[in-house]
Amino acid sequence: MNDPVLAVTGLARSFTQADVTIAVLRGIDLAVMPGEVVGLLGPSGSGKSTLLQAVGLLEGGFTGSIRIAGKEAAKLDNAGRTEVRRDQLGFVYQFHHLLPDFNATENVVLPQLIRGATHAQAQARATSLLTTLGLGHRLTHRPSQLSGGEQQRVAVARALANKPALVLADEPTGNLDEHTADIVLSELLRLVREEGSSALIATHNERLAARMDRVVRLQDGRLDG
């Protein structure tokens, strides 16, 4: 049996405000298997983003275990965490966060260069991904010249550029109208599955979550499902 791409055990996170401790995550256990797309469902403020930040090794202050591709995050120093984020993880956020001075292709090329790909390799990979996502005619357009849906598809291509083991998506269609959201989610799910990655996708939309392989629900800091 394959080991999980992501294995979270007893994950907890609390914040202190004005001498009051607020528990956001209360002992989360979660596993994502190779090739699996898991929907993380919950209302706004339920802790979905906090959980994804923890799993993405973007923020400290957590207790519990996070294993990504077999590596225990608690045992990694800053350089080790950076390496895991670069080599094993891909991120898609609610807002695309594309670099405004770079065109679509360059936005997808850059993370590959950081990982060590040659420019020719990165260019070919970026062109292939963007064309697969229906943006073959937009390769040299900057973000300001793209629609919201097109910008988010570039963000999807960027997230998959380094062939991550796990894609983390935080409300990836939250800024889009319903029709465009359907298109972008379809493209994200298709590309993740074609690339052989796994994904943990946070949403508050029941209809979108139903299209994923499995759904877990976050409520009051606890996970069901």
C-alpha atoms as a PDB file:
ATOM      1  CA  MET A   1       0.000   0.000   0.000  1.00  0.00           C
ATOM      2  CA  ASN A   2       1.264   3.471  -0.879  1.00  0.00           C
ATOM      3  CA  ASP A   3       2.153   5.840   1.938  1.00  0.00           C
ATOM      4  CA  PRO A   4       0.162   9.087   2.194  1.00  0.00           C
ATOM      5  CA  VAL A   5       1.496  12.119   0.378  1.00  0.00           C
ATOM      6  CA  LEU A   6       0.245  14.118   3.345  1.00  0.00           C
ATOM      7  CA  ALA A   7      -0.189  12.755   6.871  1.00  0.00           C
ATOM      8  CA  VAL A   8      -1.345  15.131   9.610  1.00  0.00           C
ATOM      9  CA  THR A   9      -1.700  13.909  13.194  1.00  0.00           C
ATOM     10  CA  GLY A  10      -2.906  15.841  16.241  1.00  0.00           C
ATOM     11  CA  LEU A  11      -2.413  19.226  14.572  1.00  0.00           C
ATOM     12  CA  ALA A  12      -3.409  22.132  16.813  1.00  0.00           C
ATOM     13  CA  ARG A  13      -3.117  25.895  16.583  1.00  0.00           C
ATOM     14  CA  SER A  14      -4.188  28.592  19.014  1.00  0.00           C
ATOM     15  CA  PHE A  15      -3.979  32.384  19.008  1.00  0.00           C
ATOM     16  CA  THR A  16      -3.946  34.743  21.960  1.00  0.00           C
ATOM     17  CA  GLN A  17      -5.782  38.055  21.750  1.00  0.00           C
ATOM     18  CA  ALA A  18      -6.124  40.389  24.724  1.00  0.00           C
ATOM     19  CA  ASP A  19      -5.200  37.581  27.139  1.00  0.00           C
ATOM     20  CA  VAL A  20      -7.848  35.327  25.595  1.00  0.00           C
ATOM     21  CA  THR A  21      -6.725  32.082  23.933  1.00  0.00           C
ATOM     22  CA  ILE A  22      -8.642  31.126  20.809  1.00  0.00           C
ATOM     23  CA  ALA A  23      -8.274  27.538  19.596  1.00  0.00           C
ATOM     24  CA  VAL A  24      -8.505  27.475  15.782  1.00  0.00           C
ATOM     25  CA  LEU A  25      -7.414  23.891  15.142  1.00  0.00           C
ATOM     26  CA  ARG A  26      -8.141  21.248  17.771  1.00  0.00           C
ATOM     27  CA  GLY A  27      -6.217  18.076  17.040  1.00  0.00           C
ATOM     28  CA  ILE A  28      -6.588  17.561  13.285  1.00  0.00           C
ATOM     29  CA  ASP A  29      -5.917  14.122  11.786  1.00  0.00           C
ATOM     30  CA  LEU A  30      -5.854  13.922   7.980  1.00  0.00           C
ATOM     31  CA  ALA A  31      -4.253  11.781   5.281  1.00  0.00           C
ATOM     32  CA  VAL A  32      -4.161  12.437   1.533  1.00  0.00           C
ATOM     33  CA  MET A  33      -3.157   9.492  -0.614  1.00  0.00           C
ATOM     34  CA  PRO A  34      -1.193   9.581  -3.891  1.00  0.00           C
ATOM     35  CA  GLY A  35      -3.420  10.719  -6.732  1.00  0.00           C
ATOM     36  CA  GLU A  36      -6.288  11.690  -4.409  1.00  0.00           C
ATOM     37  CA  VAL A  37      -8.161  14.996  -4.591  1.00  0.00           C
ATOM     38  CA  VAL A  38      -9.643  15.907  -1.199  1.00  0.00           C
ATOM     39  CA  GLY A  39     -12.084  18.745  -0.668  1.00  0.00           C
ATOM     40  CA  LEU A  40     -11.742  20.695   2.589  1.00  0.00           C
ATOM     41  CA  LEU A  41     -15.205  22.051   3.241  1.00  0.00           C
ATOM     42  CA  GLY A  42     -16.163  24.576   5.864  1.00  0.00           C
ATOM     43  CA  PRO A  43     -17.708  28.016   6.361  1.00  0.00           C
ATOM     44  CA  SER A  44     -15.640  31.178   6.289  1.00  0.00           C
ATOM     45  CA  GLY A  45     -13.649  31.489   9.501  1.00  0.00           C
ATOM     46  CA  SER A  46     -13.671  27.762  10.230  1.00  0.00           C
ATOM     47  CA  GLY A  47      -9.865  27.486  10.033  1.00  0.00           C
ATOM     48  CA  LYS A  48      -9.425  26.192   6.464  1.00  0.00           C
ATOM     49  CA  SER A  49      -6.756  28.753   5.593  1.00  0.00           C
ATOM     50  CA  THR A  50      -4.974  28.163   8.903  1.00  0.00           C
ATOM     51  CA  LEU A  51      -4.851  24.430   8.182  1.00  0.00           C
ATOM     52  CA  LEU A  52      -3.512  24.992   4.664  1.00  0.00           C
ATOM     53  CA  GLN A  53      -0.871  27.412   5.964  1.00  0.00           C
ATOM     54  CA  ALA A  54       0.272  24.766   8.415  1.00  0.00           C
ATOM     55  CA  VAL A  55       0.352  22.000   5.825  1.00  0.00           C
ATOM     56  CA  GLY A  56       2.113  24.340   3.402  1.00  0.00           C
ATOM     57  CA  LEU A  57       4.829  25.025   6.007  1.00  0.00           C
ATOM     58  CA  LEU A  58       4.091  28.739   5.686  1.00  0.00           C
ATOM     59  CA  GLU A  59       3.577  29.505   9.368  1.00  0.00           C
ATOM     60  CA  GLY A  60       4.834  28.182  12.694  1.00  0.00           C
ATOM     61  CA  GLY A  61       3.207  27.979  16.095  1.00  0.00           C
ATOM     62  CA  PHE A  62       1.563  24.603  15.535  1.00  0.00           C
ATOM     63  CA  THR A  63       1.716  21.434  17.583  1.00  0.00           C
ATOM     64  CA  GLY A  64       1.321  17.948  16.189  1.00  0.00           C
ATOM     65  CA  SER A  65       2.820  16.128  13.220  1.00  0.00           C
ATOM     66  CA  ILE A  66       2.879  17.089   9.534  1.00  0.00           C
ATOM     67  CA  ARG A  67       4.517  14.607   7.155  1.00  0.00           C
ATOM     68  CA  ILE A  68       4.833  15.564   3.491  1.00  0.00           C
ATOM     69  CA  ALA A  69       6.165  12.975   1.054  1.00  0.00           C
ATOM     70  CA  GLY A  70       7.555  11.085   4.051  1.00  0.00           C
ATOM     71  CA  LYS A  71       9.342  14.059   5.665  1.00  0.00           C
ATOM     72  CA  GLU A  72       8.369  15.233   9.147  1.00  0.00           C
ATOM     73  CA  ALA A  73       8.077  19.015   9.040  1.00  0.00           C
ATOM     74  CA  ALA A  74       8.850  19.414  12.753  1.00  0.00           C
ATOM     75  CA  LYS A  75      12.334  18.011  12.130  1.00  0.00           C
ATOM     76  CA  LEU A  76      13.149  20.418   9.305  1.00  0.00           C
ATOM     77  CA  ASP A  77      15.003  23.697   9.638  1.00  0.00           C
ATOM     78  CA  ASN A  78      14.056  26.731   7.527  1.00  0.00           C
ATOM     79  CA  ALA A  79      16.134  25.533   4.588  1.00  0.00           C
ATOM     80  CA  GLY A  80      14.523  22.101   4.760  1.00  0.00           C
ATOM     81  CA  ARG A  81      11.033  23.584   4.819  1.00  0.00           C
ATOM     82  CA  THR A  82      11.863  25.787   1.857  1.00  0.00           C
ATOM     83  CA  GLU A  83      13.077  22.731  -0.035  1.00  0.00           C
ATOM     84  CA  VAL A  84       9.849  20.832   0.671  1.00  0.00           C
ATOM     85  CA  ARG A  85       7.724  23.793  -0.442  1.00  0.00           C
ATOM     86  CA  ARG A  86       9.776  24.155  -3.621  1.00  0.00           C
ATOM     87  CA  ASP A  87       9.997  20.482  -4.575  1.00  0.00           C
ATOM     88  CA  GLN A  88       6.850  18.854  -3.172  1.00  0.00           C
ATOM     89  CA  LEU A  89       4.136  21.521  -2.949  1.00  0.00           C
ATOM     90  CA  GLY A  90       2.172  23.681  -5.355  1.00  0.00           C
ATOM     91  CA  PHE A  91      -0.045  26.545  -4.193  1.00  0.00           C
ATOM     92  CA  VAL A  92      -3.195  28.114  -5.650  1.00  0.00           C
ATOM     93  CA  TYR A  93      -4.759  30.965  -3.685  1.00  0.00           C
ATOM     94  CA  GLN A  94      -8.107  32.763  -3.896  1.00  0.00           C
ATOM     95  CA  PHE A  95      -6.282  35.682  -5.511  1.00  0.00           C
ATOM     96  CA  HIS A  96      -3.851  34.663  -8.245  1.00  0.00           C
ATOM     97  CA  HIS A  97      -0.763  36.556  -6.918  1.00  0.00           C
ATOM     98  CA  LEU A  98       0.849  36.622 -10.372  1.00  0.00           C
ATOM     99  CA  LEU A  99       3.878  38.853 -10.881  1.00  0.00           C
ATOM    100  CA  PRO A 100       2.440  41.861 -12.754  1.00  0.00           C
ATOM    101  CA  ASP A 101       5.580  42.714 -14.725  1.00  0.00           C
ATOM    102  CA  PHE A 102       5.925  39.197 -16.151  1.00  0.00           C
ATOM    103  CA  ASN A 103       3.770  37.626 -18.842  1.00  0.00           C
ATOM    104  CA  ALA A 104       1.838  34.379 -18.432  1.00  0.00           C
ATOM    105  CA  THR A 105       4.683  32.179 -19.627  1.00  0.00           C
ATOM    106  CA  GLU A 106       7.281  33.939 -17.486  1.00  0.00           C
ATOM    107  CA  ASN A 107       5.110  33.533 -14.385  1.00  0.00           C
ATOM    108  CA  VAL A 108       5.148  29.753 -14.950  1.00  0.00           C
ATOM    109  CA  VAL A 109       8.825  29.644 -15.944  1.00  0.00           C
ATOM    110  CA  LEU A 110      10.134  31.393 -12.827  1.00  0.00           C
ATOM    111  CA  PRO A 111       9.449  28.696 -10.189  1.00  0.00           C
ATOM    112  CA  GLN A 112      11.069  26.134 -12.452  1.00  0.00           C
ATOM    113  CA  LEU A 113      14.221  28.218 -12.773  1.00  0.00           C
ATOM    114  CA  ILE A 114      14.350  28.559  -8.999  1.00  0.00           C
ATOM    115  CA  ARG A 115      14.249  24.771  -8.735  1.00  0.00           C
ATOM    116  CA  GLY A 116      17.099  24.416 -11.214  1.00  0.00           C
ATOM    117  CA  ALA A 117      15.512  23.777 -14.609  1.00  0.00           C
ATOM    118  CA  THR A 118      17.171  25.235 -17.687  1.00  0.00           C
ATOM    119  CA  HIS A 119      15.380  28.091 -19.373  1.00  0.00           C
ATOM    120  CA  ALA A 120      14.581  25.899 -22.376  1.00  0.00           C
ATOM    121  CA  GLN A 121      13.094  23.189 -20.163  1.00  0.00           C
ATOM    122  CA  ALA A 122      11.067  25.701 -18.167  1.00  0.00           C
ATOM    123  CA  GLN A 123       9.823  27.448 -21.294  1.00  0.00           C
ATOM    124  CA  ALA A 124       8.681  24.178 -22.861  1.00  0.00           C
ATOM    125  CA  ARG A 125       6.918  23.075 -19.670  1.00  0.00           C
ATOM    126  CA  ALA A 126       5.191  26.448 -19.238  1.00  0.00           C
ATOM    127  CA  THR A 127       4.018  26.523 -22.839  1.00  0.00           C
ATOM    128  CA  SER A 128       2.666  22.977 -22.574  1.00  0.00           C
ATOM    129  CA  LEU A 129       0.764  23.637 -19.337  1.00  0.00           C
ATOM    130  CA  LEU A 130      -0.726  26.933 -20.468  1.00  0.00           C
ATOM    131  CA  THR A 131      -1.752  25.483 -23.817  1.00  0.00           C
ATOM    132  CA  THR A 132      -3.402  22.541 -22.042  1.00  0.00           C
ATOM    133  CA  LEU A 133      -5.336  25.085 -19.991  1.00  0.00           C
ATOM    134  CA  GLY A 134      -6.575  26.842 -23.126  1.00  0.00           C
ATOM    135  CA  LEU A 135      -4.180  29.770 -22.907  1.00  0.00           C
ATOM    136  CA  GLY A 136      -2.011  29.023 -25.916  1.00  0.00           C
ATOM    137  CA  HIS A 137      -3.062  32.365 -27.432  1.00  0.00           C
ATOM    138  CA  ARG A 138      -2.261  34.262 -24.218  1.00  0.00           C
ATOM    139  CA  LEU A 139       1.323  33.167 -23.580  1.00  0.00           C
ATOM    140  CA  THR A 140       2.839  36.654 -23.869  1.00  0.00           C
ATOM    141  CA  HIS A 141       0.039  38.547 -22.130  1.00  0.00           C
ATOM    142  CA  ARG A 142       0.655  40.140 -18.743  1.00  0.00           C
ATOM    143  CA  PRO A 143      -1.816  39.590 -15.879  1.00  0.00           C
ATOM    144  CA  SER A 144      -3.460  42.991 -16.441  1.00  0.00           C
ATOM    145  CA  GLN A 145      -4.326  41.863 -19.982  1.00  0.00           C
ATOM    146  CA  LEU A 146      -6.020  38.656 -18.808  1.00  0.00           C
ATOM    147  CA  SER A 147      -9.499  38.047 -17.416  1.00  0.00           C
ATOM    148  CA  GLY A 148      -9.936  36.835 -13.840  1.00  0.00           C
ATOM    149  CA  GLY A 149     -10.463  33.266 -15.003  1.00  0.00           C
ATOM    150  CA  GLU A 150      -7.412  33.402 -17.251  1.00  0.00           C
ATOM    151  CA  GLN A 151      -5.270  34.780 -14.447  1.00  0.00           C
ATOM    152  CA  GLN A 152      -6.350  31.954 -12.173  1.00  0.00           C
ATOM    153  CA  ARG A 153      -5.568  29.369 -14.857  1.00  0.00           C
ATOM    154  CA  VAL A 154      -2.051  30.813 -15.078  1.00  0.00           C
ATOM    155  CA  ALA A 155      -1.855  30.397 -11.297  1.00  0.00           C
ATOM    156  CA  VAL A 156      -2.920  26.753 -11.708  1.00  0.00           C
ATOM    157  CA  ALA A 157      -0.181  26.211 -14.299  1.00  0.00           C
ATOM    158  CA  ARG A 158       2.361  27.822 -11.984  1.00  0.00           C
ATOM    159  CA  ALA A 159       1.297  25.543  -9.124  1.00  0.00           C
ATOM    160  CA  LEU A 160       1.815  22.442 -11.284  1.00  0.00           C
ATOM    161  CA  ALA A 161       4.996  23.667 -12.978  1.00  0.00           C
ATOM    162  CA  ASN A 162       7.407  21.701 -10.765  1.00  0.00           C
ATOM    163  CA  LYS A 163       5.248  18.543 -10.755  1.00  0.00           C
ATOM    164  CA  PRO A 164       4.481  18.728  -7.019  1.00  0.00           C
ATOM    165  CA  ALA A 165       3.407  15.715  -5.020  1.00  0.00           C
ATOM    166  CA  LEU A 166       0.666  17.823  -3.399  1.00  0.00           C
ATOM    167  CA  VAL A 167      -1.270  20.873  -4.591  1.00  0.00           C
ATOM    168  CA  LEU A 168      -2.789  23.079  -1.879  1.00  0.00           C
ATOM    169  CA  ALA A 169      -5.621  25.317  -3.086  1.00  0.00           C
ATOM    170  CA  ASP A 170      -7.302  27.853  -0.802  1.00  0.00           C
ATOM    171  CA  GLU A 171     -10.699  28.889  -2.218  1.00  0.00           C
ATOM    172  CA  PRO A 172      -9.203  28.876  -5.750  1.00  0.00           C
ATOM    173  CA  THR A 173     -12.490  29.985  -7.340  1.00  0.00           C
ATOM    174  CA  GLY A 174     -13.614  32.332  -4.570  1.00  0.00           C
ATOM    175  CA  ASN A 175     -13.136  35.519  -6.644  1.00  0.00           C
ATOM    176  CA  LEU A 176     -14.818  34.167  -9.785  1.00  0.00           C
ATOM    177  CA  ASP A 177     -18.397  34.119 -10.994  1.00  0.00           C
ATOM    178  CA  GLU A 178     -20.159  30.743 -10.969  1.00  0.00           C
ATOM    179  CA  HIS A 179     -19.621  29.930 -14.640  1.00  0.00           C
ATOM    180  CA  THR A 180     -15.921  30.850 -14.596  1.00  0.00           C
ATOM    181  CA  ALA A 181     -15.480  29.034 -11.275  1.00  0.00           C
ATOM    182  CA  ASP A 182     -16.796  25.830 -12.847  1.00  0.00           C
ATOM    183  CA  ILE A 183     -14.340  26.149 -15.732  1.00  0.00           C
ATOM    184  CA  VAL A 184     -11.328  26.877 -13.530  1.00  0.00           C
ATOM    185  CA  LEU A 185     -12.128  24.059 -11.084  1.00  0.00           C
ATOM    186  CA  SER A 186     -12.614  21.618 -13.955  1.00  0.00           C
ATOM    187  CA  GLU A 187      -9.234  22.592 -15.376  1.00  0.00           C
ATOM    188  CA  LEU A 188      -7.565  22.352 -11.964  1.00  0.00           C
ATOM    189  CA  LEU A 189      -8.996  18.881 -11.275  1.00  0.00           C
ATOM    190  CA  ARG A 190      -8.172  17.643 -14.752  1.00  0.00           C
ATOM    191  CA  LEU A 191      -4.595  18.885 -14.664  1.00  0.00           C
ATOM    192  CA  VAL A 192      -3.919  17.577 -11.143  1.00  0.00           C
ATOM    193  CA  ARG A 193      -5.141  14.134 -12.188  1.00  0.00           C
ATOM    194  CA  GLU A 194      -3.278  14.140 -15.506  1.00  0.00           C
ATOM    195  CA  GLU A 195      -0.060  15.154 -13.763  1.00  0.00           C
ATOM    196  CA  GLY A 196      -0.441  12.436 -11.117  1.00  0.00           C
ATOM    197  CA  SER A 197      -0.409  14.884  -8.209  1.00  0.00           C
ATOM    198  CA  SER A 198      -2.621  14.900  -5.127  1.00  0.00           C
ATOM    199  CA  ALA A 199      -4.588  17.914  -3.963  1.00  0.00           C
ATOM    200  CA  LEU A 200      -6.201  19.402  -0.874  1.00  0.00           C
ATOM    201  CA  ILE A 201      -8.696  22.043  -1.997  1.00  0.00           C
ATOM    202  CA  ALA A 202     -10.424  24.316   0.505  1.00  0.00           C
ATOM    203  CA  THR A 203     -13.855  25.660  -0.358  1.00  0.00           C
ATOM    204  CA  HIS A 204     -17.131  26.644   1.259  1.00  0.00           C
ATOM    205  CA  ASN A 205     -19.054  25.608  -1.870  1.00  0.00           C
ATOM    206  CA  GLU A 206     -20.830  22.255  -1.435  1.00  0.00           C
ATOM    207  CA  ARG A 207     -21.496  21.932  -5.158  1.00  0.00           C
ATOM    208  CA  LEU A 208     -17.839  22.318  -6.080  1.00  0.00           C
ATOM    209  CA  ALA A 209     -16.673  20.056  -3.259  1.00  0.00           C
ATOM    210  CA  ALA A 210     -18.924  17.252  -4.549  1.00  0.00           C
ATOM    211  CA  ARG A 211     -16.739  17.008  -7.657  1.00  0.00           C
ATOM    212  CA  MET A 212     -13.709  15.888  -5.645  1.00  0.00           C
ATOM    213  CA  ASP A 213     -12.757  12.325  -4.697  1.00  0.00           C
ATOM    214  CA  ARG A 214     -13.504  12.802  -1.024  1.00  0.00           C
ATOM    215  CA  VAL A 215     -14.704  15.599   1.246  1.00  0.00           C
ATOM    216  CA  VAL A 216     -13.680  16.361   4.825  1.00  0.00           C
ATOM    217  CA  ARG A 217     -15.447  19.019   6.871  1.00  0.00           C
ATOM    218  CA  LEU A 218     -13.835  21.492   9.239  1.00  0.00           C
ATOM    219  CA  GLN A 219     -16.094  22.868  11.950  1.00  0.00           C
ATOM    220  CA  ASP A 220     -15.118  24.453  15.254  1.00  0.00           C
ATOM    221  CA  GLY A 221     -11.520  23.419  14.738  1.00  0.00           C
ATOM    222  CA  ARG A 222     -12.311  19.733  14.290  1.00  0.00           C
ATOM    223  CA  LEU A 223     -12.313  17.609  11.163  1.00  0.00           C
ATOM    224  CA  ASP A 224     -15.027  15.142  10.185  1.00  0.00           C
ATOM    225  CA  GLY A 225     -14.884  12.752   7.256  1.00  0.00           C
END
